[in-house]
Amino acid sequence: QVHVVESGGGLVQPGGSLRLSCVVSGTWLGVTGVGWYRQAPGKEREMVATFTNRGTPQYADSVKGRFSISRDMAESTVNLQLNSLNVEDTAVYYCKVRPPGPVDYWGQGTQVTVAS
């Protein structure tokens, strides 16, 4: 059984930073697609950062140069470093994993609030 658990959200001032972590169990990250998504109030869920099939990070245009995705195979974690945060980054952030096959697994989400 695949389990996905996010952590690291919180309240931060504009210009601040946060580091989100996603712990994955039940599958090996080496053969699993992973990514971070977010959903702001009243908006659809959108991709923030993910890895291509070749392992290259890719980012939404709105976060390029500010966010960084990384993964630690030994710890089975996928991290998202959020820098230079602004109020538009306020959302619930979700980690998604896709082991071999058609099923996606999502975590419960972690709230990021950017406010002064």
PDB file of N, CA and C in Angstrom:
ATOM      1  N   GLN A   1       0.843  -1.177   0.000  1.00  0.00           N
ATOM      2  CA  GLN A   1       0.000   0.000   0.000  1.00  0.00           C
ATOM      3  C   GLN A   1       0.891   1.245   0.000  1.00  0.00           C
ATOM      4  N   VAL A   2       0.572   2.161  -0.893  1.00  0.00           N
ATOM      5  CA  VAL A   2       1.338   3.392  -1.005  1.00  0.00           C
ATOM      6  C   VAL A   2       0.767   4.438  -0.053  1.00  0.00           C
ATOM      7  N   HIS A   3       1.667   5.093   0.679  1.00  0.00           N
ATOM      8  CA  HIS A   3       1.269   6.169   1.575  1.00  0.00           C
ATOM      9  C   HIS A   3       2.102   7.408   1.256  1.00  0.00           C
ATOM     10  N   VAL A   4       1.438   8.555   1.309  1.00  0.00           N
ATOM     11  CA  VAL A   4       2.088   9.826   1.001  1.00  0.00           C
ATOM     12  C   VAL A   4       1.744  10.803   2.114  1.00  0.00           C
ATOM     13  N   VAL A   5       2.742  11.378   2.754  1.00  0.00           N
ATOM     14  CA  VAL A   5       2.506  12.288   3.874  1.00  0.00           C
ATOM     15  C   VAL A   5       3.349  13.542   3.691  1.00  0.00           C
ATOM     16  N   GLU A   6       2.678  14.680   3.606  1.00  0.00           N
ATOM     17  CA  GLU A   6       3.366  15.968   3.472  1.00  0.00           C
ATOM     18  C   GLU A   6       3.515  16.640   4.833  1.00  0.00           C
ATOM     19  N   SER A   7       4.502  17.505   4.925  1.00  0.00           N
ATOM     20  CA  SER A   7       4.694  18.316   6.113  1.00  0.00           C
ATOM     21  C   SER A   7       5.496  19.549   5.734  1.00  0.00           C
ATOM     22  N   GLY A   8       5.562  20.505   6.664  1.00  0.00           N
ATOM     23  CA  GLY A   8       6.417  21.664   6.471  1.00  0.00           C
ATOM     24  C   GLY A   8       5.697  22.959   6.157  1.00  0.00           C
ATOM     25  N   GLY A   9       4.395  22.913   5.985  1.00  0.00           N
ATOM     26  CA  GLY A   9       3.665  24.142   5.707  1.00  0.00           C
ATOM     27  C   GLY A   9       3.598  25.052   6.919  1.00  0.00           C
ATOM     28  N   GLY A  10       3.067  26.237   6.701  1.00  0.00           N
ATOM     29  CA  GLY A  10       2.932  27.179   7.808  1.00  0.00           C
ATOM     30  C   GLY A  10       2.646  28.571   7.318  1.00  0.00           C
ATOM     31  N   LEU A  11       2.742  29.513   8.247  1.00  0.00           N
ATOM     32  CA  LEU A  11       2.526  30.931   7.967  1.00  0.00           C
ATOM     33  C   LEU A  11       3.878  31.619   7.815  1.00  0.00           C
ATOM     34  N   VAL A  12       4.038  32.355   6.729  1.00  0.00           N
ATOM     35  CA  VAL A  12       5.304  33.031   6.471  1.00  0.00           C
ATOM     36  C   VAL A  12       5.026  34.394   5.866  1.00  0.00           C
ATOM     37  N   GLN A  13       5.907  35.336   6.125  1.00  0.00           N
ATOM     38  CA  GLN A  13       5.753  36.677   5.569  1.00  0.00           C
ATOM     39  C   GLN A  13       6.192  36.716   4.107  1.00  0.00           C
ATOM     40  N   PRO A  14       5.674  37.656   3.345  1.00  0.00           N
ATOM     41  CA  PRO A  14       6.143  37.806   1.959  1.00  0.00           C
ATOM     42  C   PRO A  14       7.652  37.948   1.911  1.00  0.00           C
ATOM     43  N   GLY A  15       8.256  37.238   0.955  1.00  0.00           N
ATOM     44  CA  GLY A  15       9.711  37.226   0.842  1.00  0.00           C
ATOM     45  C   GLY A  15      10.371  36.108   1.628  1.00  0.00           C
ATOM     46  N   GLY A  16       9.611  35.429   2.448  1.00  0.00           N
ATOM     47  CA  GLY A  16      10.162  34.360   3.267  1.00  0.00           C
ATOM     48  C   GLY A  16      10.298  33.042   2.534  1.00  0.00           C
ATOM     49  N   SER A  17      10.706  32.019   3.288  1.00  0.00           N
ATOM     50  CA  SER A  17      10.974  30.704   2.717  1.00  0.00           C
ATOM     51  C   SER A  17      10.346  29.614   3.580  1.00  0.00           C
ATOM     52  N   LEU A  18      10.065  28.510   2.932  1.00  0.00           N
ATOM     53  CA  LEU A  18       9.604  27.299   3.609  1.00  0.00           C
ATOM     54  C   LEU A  18      10.186  26.100   2.875  1.00  0.00           C
ATOM     55  N   ARG A  19      10.252  24.988   3.576  1.00  0.00           N
ATOM     56  CA  ARG A  19      10.683  23.739   2.961  1.00  0.00           C
ATOM     57  C   ARG A  19       9.630  22.675   3.259  1.00  0.00           C
ATOM     58  N   LEU A  20       9.025  22.173   2.208  1.00  0.00           N
ATOM     59  CA  LEU A  20       8.017  21.136   2.337  1.00  0.00           C
ATOM     60  C   LEU A  20       8.659  19.778   2.102  1.00  0.00           C
ATOM     61  N   SER A  21       8.183  18.794   2.840  1.00  0.00           N
ATOM     62  CA  SER A  21       8.677  17.433   2.676  1.00  0.00           C
ATOM     63  C   SER A  21       7.517  16.479   2.414  1.00  0.00           C
ATOM     64  N   CYS A  22       7.803  15.478   1.628  1.00  0.00           N
ATOM     65  CA  CYS A  22       6.814  14.445   1.308  1.00  0.00           C
ATOM     66  C   CYS A  22       7.488  13.098   1.531  1.00  0.00           C
ATOM     67  N   VAL A  23       6.984  12.354   2.482  1.00  0.00           N
ATOM     68  CA  VAL A  23       7.515  11.027   2.768  1.00  0.00           C
ATOM     69  C   VAL A  23       6.644  10.002   2.059  1.00  0.00           C
ATOM     70  N   VAL A  24       7.276   9.162   1.282  1.00  0.00           N
ATOM     71  CA  VAL A  24       6.566   8.165   0.476  1.00  0.00           C
ATOM     72  C   VAL A  24       6.931   6.763   0.957  1.00  0.00           C
ATOM     73  N   SER A  25       5.947   5.935   1.170  1.00  0.00           N
ATOM     74  CA  SER A  25       6.195   4.544   1.532  1.00  0.00           C
ATOM     75  C   SER A  25       5.361   3.638   0.635  1.00  0.00           C
ATOM     76  N   GLY A  26       5.819   2.395   0.504  1.00  0.00           N
ATOM     77  CA  GLY A  26       5.086   1.425  -0.292  1.00  0.00           C
ATOM     78  C   GLY A  26       5.487   1.380  -1.750  1.00  0.00           C
ATOM     79  N   THR A  27       6.404   2.233  -2.154  1.00  0.00           N
ATOM     80  CA  THR A  27       6.908   2.219  -3.517  1.00  0.00           C
ATOM     81  C   THR A  27       8.297   2.826  -3.499  1.00  0.00           C
ATOM     82  N   TRP A  28       9.065   2.519  -4.535  1.00  0.00           N
ATOM     83  CA  TRP A  28      10.430   3.042  -4.615  1.00  0.00           C
ATOM     84  C   TRP A  28      10.449   4.247  -5.545  1.00  0.00           C
ATOM     85  N   LEU A  29      11.024   5.348  -5.042  1.00  0.00           N
ATOM     86  CA  LEU A  29      11.020   6.576  -5.813  1.00  0.00           C
ATOM     87  C   LEU A  29      11.743   6.441  -7.142  1.00  0.00           C
ATOM     88  N   GLY A  30      12.620   5.469  -7.248  1.00  0.00           N
ATOM     89  CA  GLY A  30      13.370   5.311  -8.485  1.00  0.00           C
ATOM     90  C   GLY A  30      12.507   4.925  -9.674  1.00  0.00           C
ATOM     91  N   VAL A  31      11.346   4.365  -9.419  1.00  0.00           N
ATOM     92  CA  VAL A  31      10.450   3.973 -10.505  1.00  0.00           C
ATOM     93  C   VAL A  31       9.098   4.656 -10.379  1.00  0.00           C
ATOM     94  N   THR A  32       9.081   5.748  -9.654  1.00  0.00           N
ATOM     95  CA  THR A  32       7.809   6.405  -9.350  1.00  0.00           C
ATOM     96  C   THR A  32       7.844   7.848  -9.817  1.00  0.00           C
ATOM     97  N   GLY A  33       6.799   8.251 -10.496  1.00  0.00           N
ATOM     98  CA  GLY A  33       6.664   9.656 -10.837  1.00  0.00           C
ATOM     99  C   GLY A  33       6.237  10.439  -9.609  1.00  0.00           C
ATOM    100  N   VAL A  34       6.847  11.580  -9.391  1.00  0.00           N
ATOM    101  CA  VAL A  34       6.507  12.376  -8.219  1.00  0.00           C
ATOM    102  C   VAL A  34       6.395  13.845  -8.608  1.00  0.00           C
ATOM    103  N   GLY A  35       5.616  14.571  -7.820  1.00  0.00           N
ATOM    104  CA  GLY A  35       5.493  15.991  -8.081  1.00  0.00           C
ATOM    105  C   GLY A  35       4.733  16.688  -6.977  1.00  0.00           C
ATOM    106  N   TRP A  36       4.858  17.997  -6.975  1.00  0.00           N
ATOM    107  CA  TRP A  36       4.122  18.853  -6.043  1.00  0.00           C
ATOM    108  C   TRP A  36       3.080  19.652  -6.803  1.00  0.00           C
ATOM    109  N   TYR A  37       1.918  19.761  -6.207  1.00  0.00           N
ATOM    110  CA  TYR A  37       0.805  20.504  -6.769  1.00  0.00           C
ATOM    111  C   TYR A  37       0.255  21.414  -5.679  1.00  0.00           C
ATOM    112  N   ARG A  38      -0.557  22.376  -6.076  1.00  0.00           N
ATOM    113  CA  ARG A  38      -1.175  23.244  -5.075  1.00  0.00           C
ATOM    114  C   ARG A  38      -2.569  23.642  -5.520  1.00  0.00           C
ATOM    115  N   GLN A  39      -3.365  23.977  -4.529  1.00  0.00           N
ATOM    116  CA  GLN A  39      -4.732  24.423  -4.804  1.00  0.00           C
ATOM    117  C   GLN A  39      -5.060  25.590  -3.891  1.00  0.00           C
ATOM    118  N   ALA A  40      -5.297  26.723  -4.502  1.00  0.00           N
ATOM    119  CA  ALA A  40      -5.693  27.923  -3.769  1.00  0.00           C
ATOM    120  C   ALA A  40      -7.215  27.970  -3.673  1.00  0.00           C
ATOM    121  N   PRO A  41      -7.758  28.701  -2.702  1.00  0.00           N
ATOM    122  CA  PRO A  41      -9.225  28.779  -2.561  1.00  0.00           C
ATOM    123  C   PRO A  41      -9.885  29.277  -3.838  1.00  0.00           C
ATOM    124  N   GLY A  42     -10.900  28.542  -4.289  1.00  0.00           N
ATOM    125  CA  GLY A  42     -11.634  28.941  -5.478  1.00  0.00           C
ATOM    126  C   GLY A  42     -10.942  28.656  -6.791  1.00  0.00           C
ATOM    127  N   LYS A  43      -9.785  28.002  -6.722  1.00  0.00           N
ATOM    128  CA  LYS A  43      -9.041  27.716  -7.950  1.00  0.00           C
ATOM    129  C   LYS A  43      -8.832  26.217  -8.120  1.00  0.00           C
ATOM    130  N   GLU A  44      -8.511  25.820  -9.347  1.00  0.00           N
ATOM    131  CA  GLU A  44      -8.230  24.422  -9.603  1.00  0.00           C
ATOM    132  C   GLU A  44      -6.824  24.059  -9.129  1.00  0.00           C
ATOM    133  N   ARG A  45      -6.646  22.779  -8.864  1.00  0.00           N
ATOM    134  CA  ARG A  45      -5.321  22.306  -8.484  1.00  0.00           C
ATOM    135  C   ARG A  45      -4.378  22.433  -9.687  1.00  0.00           C
ATOM    136  N   GLU A  46      -3.161  22.879  -9.430  1.00  0.00           N
ATOM    137  CA  GLU A  46      -2.189  23.088 -10.497  1.00  0.00           C
ATOM    138  C   GLU A  46      -0.849  22.474 -10.143  1.00  0.00           C
ATOM    139  N   MET A  47      -0.126  22.103 -11.181  1.00  0.00           N
ATOM    140  CA  MET A  47       1.206  21.554 -11.002  1.00  0.00           C
ATOM    141  C   MET A  47       2.150  22.669 -10.592  1.00  0.00           C
ATOM    142  N   VAL A  48       2.981  22.409  -9.617  1.00  0.00           N
ATOM    143  CA  VAL A  48       4.002  23.360  -9.176  1.00  0.00           C
ATOM    144  C   VAL A  48       5.385  22.913  -9.639  1.00  0.00           C
ATOM    145  N   ALA A  49       5.734  21.676  -9.346  1.00  0.00           N
ATOM    146  CA  ALA A  49       7.045  21.158  -9.708  1.00  0.00           C
ATOM    147  C   ALA A  49       6.968  19.650  -9.791  1.00  0.00           C
ATOM    148  N   THR A  50       7.651  19.100 -10.761  1.00  0.00           N
ATOM    149  CA  THR A  50       7.663  17.656 -10.917  1.00  0.00           C
ATOM    150  C   THR A  50       8.942  17.250 -11.629  1.00  0.00           C
ATOM    151  N   PHE A  51       9.118  15.967 -11.800  1.00  0.00           N
ATOM    152  CA  PHE A  51      10.260  15.458 -12.551  1.00  0.00           C
ATOM    153  C   PHE A  51       9.774  14.855 -13.856  1.00  0.00           C
ATOM    154  N   THR A  52      10.522  15.108 -14.929  1.00  0.00           N
ATOM    155  CA  THR A  52      10.215  14.457 -16.188  1.00  0.00           C
ATOM    156  C   THR A  52      10.621  12.986 -16.103  1.00  0.00           C
ATOM    157  N   ASN A  53      10.279  12.236 -17.139  1.00  0.00           N
ATOM    158  CA  ASN A  53      10.652  10.815 -17.165  1.00  0.00           C
ATOM    159  C   ASN A  53      12.167  10.634 -17.127  1.00  0.00           C
ATOM    160  N   ARG A  54      12.908  11.646 -17.540  1.00  0.00           N
ATOM    161  CA  ARG A  54      14.370  11.557 -17.497  1.00  0.00           C
ATOM    162  C   ARG A  54      14.940  12.074 -16.183  1.00  0.00           C
ATOM    163  N   GLY A  55      14.053  12.463 -15.274  1.00  0.00           N
ATOM    164  CA  GLY A  55      14.526  12.912 -13.984  1.00  0.00           C
ATOM    165  C   GLY A  55      14.863  14.391 -13.922  1.00  0.00           C
ATOM    166  N   THR A  56      14.508  15.130 -14.955  1.00  0.00           N
ATOM    167  CA  THR A  56      14.777  16.565 -14.980  1.00  0.00           C
ATOM    168  C   THR A  56      13.652  17.320 -14.289  1.00  0.00           C
ATOM    169  N   PRO A  57      13.976  18.212 -13.374  1.00  0.00           N
ATOM    170  CA  PRO A  57      12.904  18.987 -12.735  1.00  0.00           C
ATOM    171  C   PRO A  57      12.228  19.921 -13.731  1.00  0.00           C
ATOM    172  N   GLN A  58      10.942  20.087 -13.576  1.00  0.00           N
ATOM    173  CA  GLN A  58      10.218  21.075 -14.358  1.00  0.00           C
ATOM    174  C   GLN A  58       9.279  21.825 -13.431  1.00  0.00           C
ATOM    175  N   TYR A  59       9.065  23.100 -13.748  1.00  0.00           N
ATOM    176  CA  TYR A  59       8.338  23.985 -12.844  1.00  0.00           C
ATOM    177  C   TYR A  59       7.261  24.765 -13.574  1.00  0.00           C
ATOM    178  N   ALA A  60       6.238  25.128 -12.827  1.00  0.00           N
ATOM    179  CA  ALA A  60       5.259  26.074 -13.350  1.00  0.00           C
ATOM    180  C   ALA A  60       5.963  27.411 -13.558  1.00  0.00           C
ATOM    181  N   ASP A  61       5.543  28.156 -14.560  1.00  0.00           N
ATOM    182  CA  ASP A  61       6.182  29.430 -14.850  1.00  0.00           C
ATOM    183  C   ASP A  61       6.141  30.369 -13.646  1.00  0.00           C
ATOM    184  N   SER A  62       5.085  30.284 -12.867  1.00  0.00           N
ATOM    185  CA  SER A  62       4.905  31.207 -11.750  1.00  0.00           C
ATOM    186  C   SER A  62       5.894  30.978 -10.611  1.00  0.00           C
ATOM    187  N   VAL A  63       6.568  29.828 -10.602  1.00  0.00           N
ATOM    188  CA  VAL A  63       7.488  29.532  -9.494  1.00  0.00           C
ATOM    189  C   VAL A  63       8.931  29.346  -9.955  1.00  0.00           C
ATOM    190  N   LYS A  64       9.176  29.406 -11.247  1.00  0.00           N
ATOM    191  CA  LYS A  64      10.544  29.225 -11.755  1.00  0.00           C
ATOM    192  C   LYS A  64      11.486  30.234 -11.120  1.00  0.00           C
ATOM    193  N   GLY A  65      12.640  29.720 -10.700  1.00  0.00           N
ATOM    194  CA  GLY A  65      13.635  30.584 -10.079  1.00  0.00           C
ATOM    195  C   GLY A  65      13.408  30.810  -8.595  1.00  0.00           C
ATOM    196  N   ARG A  66      12.261  30.397  -8.082  1.00  0.00           N
ATOM    197  CA  ARG A  66      11.967  30.591  -6.656  1.00  0.00           C
ATOM    198  C   ARG A  66      11.810  29.271  -5.912  1.00  0.00           C
ATOM    199  N   PHE A  67      11.260  28.275  -6.576  1.00  0.00           N
ATOM    200  CA  PHE A  67      11.033  26.968  -5.950  1.00  0.00           C
ATOM    201  C   PHE A  67      12.011  25.949  -6.518  1.00  0.00           C
ATOM    202  N   SER A  68      12.312  24.950  -5.697  1.00  0.00           N
ATOM    203  CA  SER A  68      13.239  23.904  -6.132  1.00  0.00           C
ATOM    204  C   SER A  68      12.766  22.556  -5.597  1.00  0.00           C
ATOM    205  N   ILE A  69      12.629  21.577  -6.482  1.00  0.00           N
ATOM    206  CA  ILE A  69      12.214  20.231  -6.088  1.00  0.00           C
ATOM    207  C   ILE A  69      13.428  19.322  -6.041  1.00  0.00           C
ATOM    208  N   SER A  70      13.438  18.433  -5.067  1.00  0.00           N
ATOM    209  CA  SER A  70      14.525  17.473  -4.955  1.00  0.00           C
ATOM    210  C   SER A  70      13.967  16.186  -4.374  1.00  0.00           C
ATOM    211  N   ARG A  71      14.700  15.112  -4.540  1.00  0.00           N
ATOM    212  CA  ARG A  71      14.254  13.842  -3.967  1.00  0.00           C
ATOM    213  C   ARG A  71      15.455  13.108  -3.391  1.00  0.00           C
ATOM    214  N   ASP A  72      15.197  12.426  -2.308  1.00  0.00           N
ATOM    215  CA  ASP A  72      16.201  11.645  -1.599  1.00  0.00           C
ATOM    216  C   ASP A  72      15.758  10.194  -1.643  1.00  0.00           C
ATOM    217  N   MET A  73      16.437   9.415  -2.491  1.00  0.00           N
ATOM    218  CA  MET A  73      16.040   8.024  -2.662  1.00  0.00           C
ATOM    219  C   MET A  73      16.208   7.236  -1.366  1.00  0.00           C
ATOM    220  N   ALA A  74      17.295   7.499  -0.639  1.00  0.00           N
ATOM    221  CA  ALA A  74      17.565   6.738   0.583  1.00  0.00           C
ATOM    222  C   ALA A  74      16.491   6.981   1.639  1.00  0.00           C
ATOM    223  N   GLU A  75      16.020   8.232   1.725  1.00  0.00           N
ATOM    224  CA  GLU A  75      15.013   8.577   2.730  1.00  0.00           C
ATOM    225  C   GLU A  75      13.595   8.458   2.179  1.00  0.00           C
ATOM    226  N   SER A  76      13.476   8.191   0.876  1.00  0.00           N
ATOM    227  CA  SER A  76      12.169   8.108   0.217  1.00  0.00           C
ATOM    228  C   SER A  76      11.346   9.369   0.446  1.00  0.00           C
ATOM    229  N   THR A  77      11.987  10.511   0.234  1.00  0.00           N
ATOM    230  CA  THR A  77      11.308  11.787   0.410  1.00  0.00           C
ATOM    231  C   THR A  77      11.455  12.648  -0.843  1.00  0.00           C
ATOM    232  N   VAL A  78      10.474  13.489  -1.039  1.00  0.00           N
ATOM    233  CA  VAL A  78      10.499  14.477  -2.102  1.00  0.00           C
ATOM    234  C   VAL A  78      10.307  15.834  -1.439  1.00  0.00           C
ATOM    235  N   ASN A  79      11.253  16.716  -1.622  1.00  0.00           N
ATOM    236  CA  ASN A  79      11.217  18.010  -0.955  1.00  0.00           C
ATOM    237  C   ASN A  79      10.922  19.133  -1.943  1.00  0.00           C
ATOM    238  N   LEU A  80      10.336  20.189  -1.427  1.00  0.00           N
ATOM    239  CA  LEU A  80      10.089  21.384  -2.222  1.00  0.00           C
ATOM    240  C   LEU A  80      10.542  22.585  -1.413  1.00  0.00           C
ATOM    241  N   GLN A  81      11.580  23.241  -1.899  1.00  0.00           N
ATOM    242  CA  GLN A  81      12.077  24.463  -1.270  1.00  0.00           C
ATOM    243  C   GLN A  81      11.360  25.648  -1.883  1.00  0.00           C
ATOM    244  N   LEU A  82      10.714  26.454  -1.050  1.00  0.00           N
ATOM    245  CA  LEU A  82       9.959  27.616  -1.503  1.00  0.00           C
ATOM    246  C   LEU A  82      10.676  28.874  -1.021  1.00  0.00           C
ATOM    247  N   ASN A  83      11.170  29.665  -1.944  1.00  0.00           N
ATOM    248  CA  ASN A  83      11.849  30.923  -1.615  1.00  0.00           C
ATOM    249  C   ASN A  83      11.102  32.099  -2.222  1.00  0.00           C
ATOM    250  N   SER A  84      11.381  33.280  -1.683  1.00  0.00           N
ATOM    251  CA  SER A  84      10.782  34.517  -2.194  1.00  0.00           C
ATOM    252  C   SER A  84       9.266  34.375  -2.332  1.00  0.00           C
ATOM    253  N   LEU A  85       8.661  33.892  -1.275  1.00  0.00           N
ATOM    254  CA  LEU A  85       7.220  33.642  -1.314  1.00  0.00           C
ATOM    255  C   LEU A  85       6.434  34.948  -1.408  1.00  0.00           C
ATOM    256  N   ASN A  86       5.319  34.884  -2.109  1.00  0.00           N
ATOM    257  CA  ASN A  86       4.398  36.019  -2.168  1.00  0.00           C
ATOM    258  C   ASN A  86       2.980  35.525  -1.877  1.00  0.00           C
ATOM    259  N   VAL A  87       2.065  36.472  -1.707  1.00  0.00           N
ATOM    260  CA  VAL A  87       0.718  36.107  -1.260  1.00  0.00           C
ATOM    261  C   VAL A  87       0.031  35.179  -2.260  1.00  0.00           C
ATOM    262  N   GLU A  88       0.422  35.263  -3.538  1.00  0.00           N
ATOM    263  CA  GLU A  88      -0.189  34.393  -4.549  1.00  0.00           C
ATOM    264  C   GLU A  88       0.220  32.933  -4.395  1.00  0.00           C
ATOM    265  N   ASP A  89       1.224  32.674  -3.570  1.00  0.00           N
ATOM    266  CA  ASP A  89       1.647  31.299  -3.323  1.00  0.00           C
ATOM    267  C   ASP A  89       0.822  30.632  -2.231  1.00  0.00           C
ATOM    268  N   THR A  90      -0.056  31.374  -1.595  1.00  0.00           N
ATOM    269  CA  THR A  90      -0.915  30.809  -0.562  1.00  0.00           C
ATOM    270  C   THR A  90      -1.807  29.736  -1.153  1.00  0.00           C
ATOM    271  N   ALA A  91      -1.736  28.543  -0.582  1.00  0.00           N
ATOM    272  CA  ALA A  91      -2.501  27.408  -1.104  1.00  0.00           C
ATOM    273  C   ALA A  91      -2.250  26.189  -0.223  1.00  0.00           C
ATOM    274  N   VAL A  92      -3.020  25.155  -0.466  1.00  0.00           N
ATOM    275  CA  VAL A  92      -2.704  23.851   0.094  1.00  0.00           C
ATOM    276  C   VAL A  92      -1.806  23.142  -0.910  1.00  0.00           C
ATOM    277  N   TYR A  93      -0.681  22.660  -0.437  1.00  0.00           N
ATOM    278  CA  TYR A  93       0.294  22.007  -1.298  1.00  0.00           C
ATOM    279  C   TYR A  93       0.188  20.488  -1.116  1.00  0.00           C
ATOM    280  N   TYR A  94       0.117  19.803  -2.241  1.00  0.00           N
ATOM    281  CA  TYR A  94      -0.050  18.356  -2.246  1.00  0.00           C
ATOM    282  C   TYR A  94       1.119  17.681  -2.956  1.00  0.00           C
ATOM    283  N   CYS A  95       1.468  16.528  -2.455  1.00  0.00           N
ATOM    284  CA  CYS A  95       2.453  15.673  -3.101  1.00  0.00           C
ATOM    285  C   CYS A  95       1.707  14.545  -3.812  1.00  0.00           C
ATOM    286  N   LYS A  96       2.090  14.291  -5.046  1.00  0.00           N
ATOM    287  CA  LYS A  96       1.479  13.211  -5.811  1.00  0.00           C
ATOM    288  C   LYS A  96       2.553  12.229  -6.246  1.00  0.00           C
ATOM    289  N   VAL A  97       2.263  10.946  -6.119  1.00  0.00           N
ATOM    290  CA  VAL A  97       3.176   9.922  -6.606  1.00  0.00           C
ATOM    291  C   VAL A  97       2.406   8.965  -7.524  1.00  0.00           C
ATOM    292  N   ARG A  98       3.102   8.478  -8.523  1.00  0.00           N
ATOM    293  CA  ARG A  98       2.513   7.509  -9.434  1.00  0.00           C
ATOM    294  C   ARG A  98       3.500   6.354  -9.604  1.00  0.00           C
ATOM    295  N   PRO A  99       3.281   5.266  -8.871  1.00  0.00           N
ATOM    296  CA  PRO A  99       4.100   4.068  -9.093  1.00  0.00           C
ATOM    297  C   PRO A  99       3.811   3.517 -10.492  1.00  0.00           C
ATOM    298  N   PRO A 100       4.549   2.546 -10.957  1.00  0.00           N
ATOM    299  CA  PRO A 100       4.221   1.953 -12.256  1.00  0.00           C
ATOM    300  C   PRO A 100       2.758   1.539 -12.311  1.00  0.00           C
ATOM    301  N   GLY A 101       2.038   2.040 -13.322  1.00  0.00           N
ATOM    302  CA  GLY A 101       0.614   1.775 -13.415  1.00  0.00           C
ATOM    303  C   GLY A 101      -0.164   3.060 -13.530  1.00  0.00           C
ATOM    304  N   PRO A 102      -1.483   2.979 -13.605  1.00  0.00           N
ATOM    305  CA  PRO A 102      -2.301   4.166 -13.879  1.00  0.00           C
ATOM    306  C   PRO A 102      -2.795   4.933 -12.659  1.00  0.00           C
ATOM    307  N   VAL A 103      -2.461   4.488 -11.468  1.00  0.00           N
ATOM    308  CA  VAL A 103      -3.041   5.065 -10.260  1.00  0.00           C
ATOM    309  C   VAL A 103      -2.138   6.131  -9.663  1.00  0.00           C
ATOM    310  N   ASP A 104      -2.730   7.279  -9.332  1.00  0.00           N
ATOM    311  CA  ASP A 104      -2.036   8.337  -8.606  1.00  0.00           C
ATOM    312  C   ASP A 104      -2.389   8.262  -7.129  1.00  0.00           C
ATOM    313  N   TYR A 105      -1.405   8.568  -6.301  1.00  0.00           N
ATOM    314  CA  TYR A 105      -1.626   8.623  -4.858  1.00  0.00           C
ATOM    315  C   TYR A 105      -1.294  10.035  -4.392  1.00  0.00           C
ATOM    316  N   TRP A 106      -2.203  10.584  -3.592  1.00  0.00           N
ATOM    317  CA  TRP A 106      -2.043  11.945  -3.092  1.00  0.00           C
ATOM    318  C   TRP A 106      -1.942  11.934  -1.573  1.00  0.00           C
ATOM    319  N   GLY A 107      -1.187  12.895  -1.047  1.00  0.00           N
ATOM    320  CA  GLY A 107      -1.178  13.102   0.381  1.00  0.00           C
ATOM    321  C   GLY A 107      -2.359  13.946   0.804  1.00  0.00           C
ATOM    322  N   GLN A 108      -2.398  14.248   2.099  1.00  0.00           N
ATOM    323  CA  GLN A 108      -3.522  15.015   2.645  1.00  0.00           C
ATOM    324  C   GLN A 108      -3.354  16.515   2.441  1.00  0.00           C
ATOM    325  N   GLY A 109      -2.145  16.928   2.060  1.00  0.00           N
ATOM    326  CA  GLY A 109      -1.873  18.336   1.816  1.00  0.00           C
ATOM    327  C   GLY A 109      -1.317  19.043   3.035  1.00  0.00           C
ATOM    328  N   THR A 110      -0.596  20.115   2.777  1.00  0.00           N
ATOM    329  CA  THR A 110      -0.070  20.961   3.845  1.00  0.00           C
ATOM    330  C   THR A 110      -0.313  22.418   3.459  1.00  0.00           C
ATOM    331  N   GLN A 111      -0.814  23.191   4.399  1.00  0.00           N
ATOM    332  CA  GLN A 111      -1.220  24.568   4.121  1.00  0.00           C
ATOM    333  C   GLN A 111      -0.015  25.504   4.160  1.00  0.00           C
ATOM    334  N   VAL A 112       0.113  26.311   3.120  1.00  0.00           N
ATOM    335  CA  VAL A 112       1.097  27.389   3.082  1.00  0.00           C
ATOM    336  C   VAL A 112       0.332  28.696   2.992  1.00  0.00           C
ATOM    337  N   THR A 113       0.582  29.574   3.967  1.00  0.00           N
ATOM    338  CA  THR A 113      -0.080  30.876   3.992  1.00  0.00           C
ATOM    339  C   THR A 113       0.994  31.952   4.013  1.00  0.00           C
ATOM    340  N   VAL A 114       0.929  32.846   3.031  1.00  0.00           N
ATOM    341  CA  VAL A 114       1.872  33.947   2.948  1.00  0.00           C
ATOM    342  C   VAL A 114       1.118  35.228   3.247  1.00  0.00           C
ATOM    343  N   ALA A 115       1.477  35.866   4.347  1.00  0.00           N
ATOM    344  CA  ALA A 115       0.780  37.082   4.774  1.00  0.00           C
ATOM    345  C   ALA A 115       1.685  37.890   5.676  1.00  0.00           C
ATOM    346  N   SER A 116       1.476  39.199   5.637  1.00  0.00           N
ATOM    347  CA  SER A 116       2.303  40.087   6.478  1.00  0.00           C
ATOM    348  C   SER A 116       1.617  40.335   7.816  1.00  0.00           C
TER     349      SER A 116
END
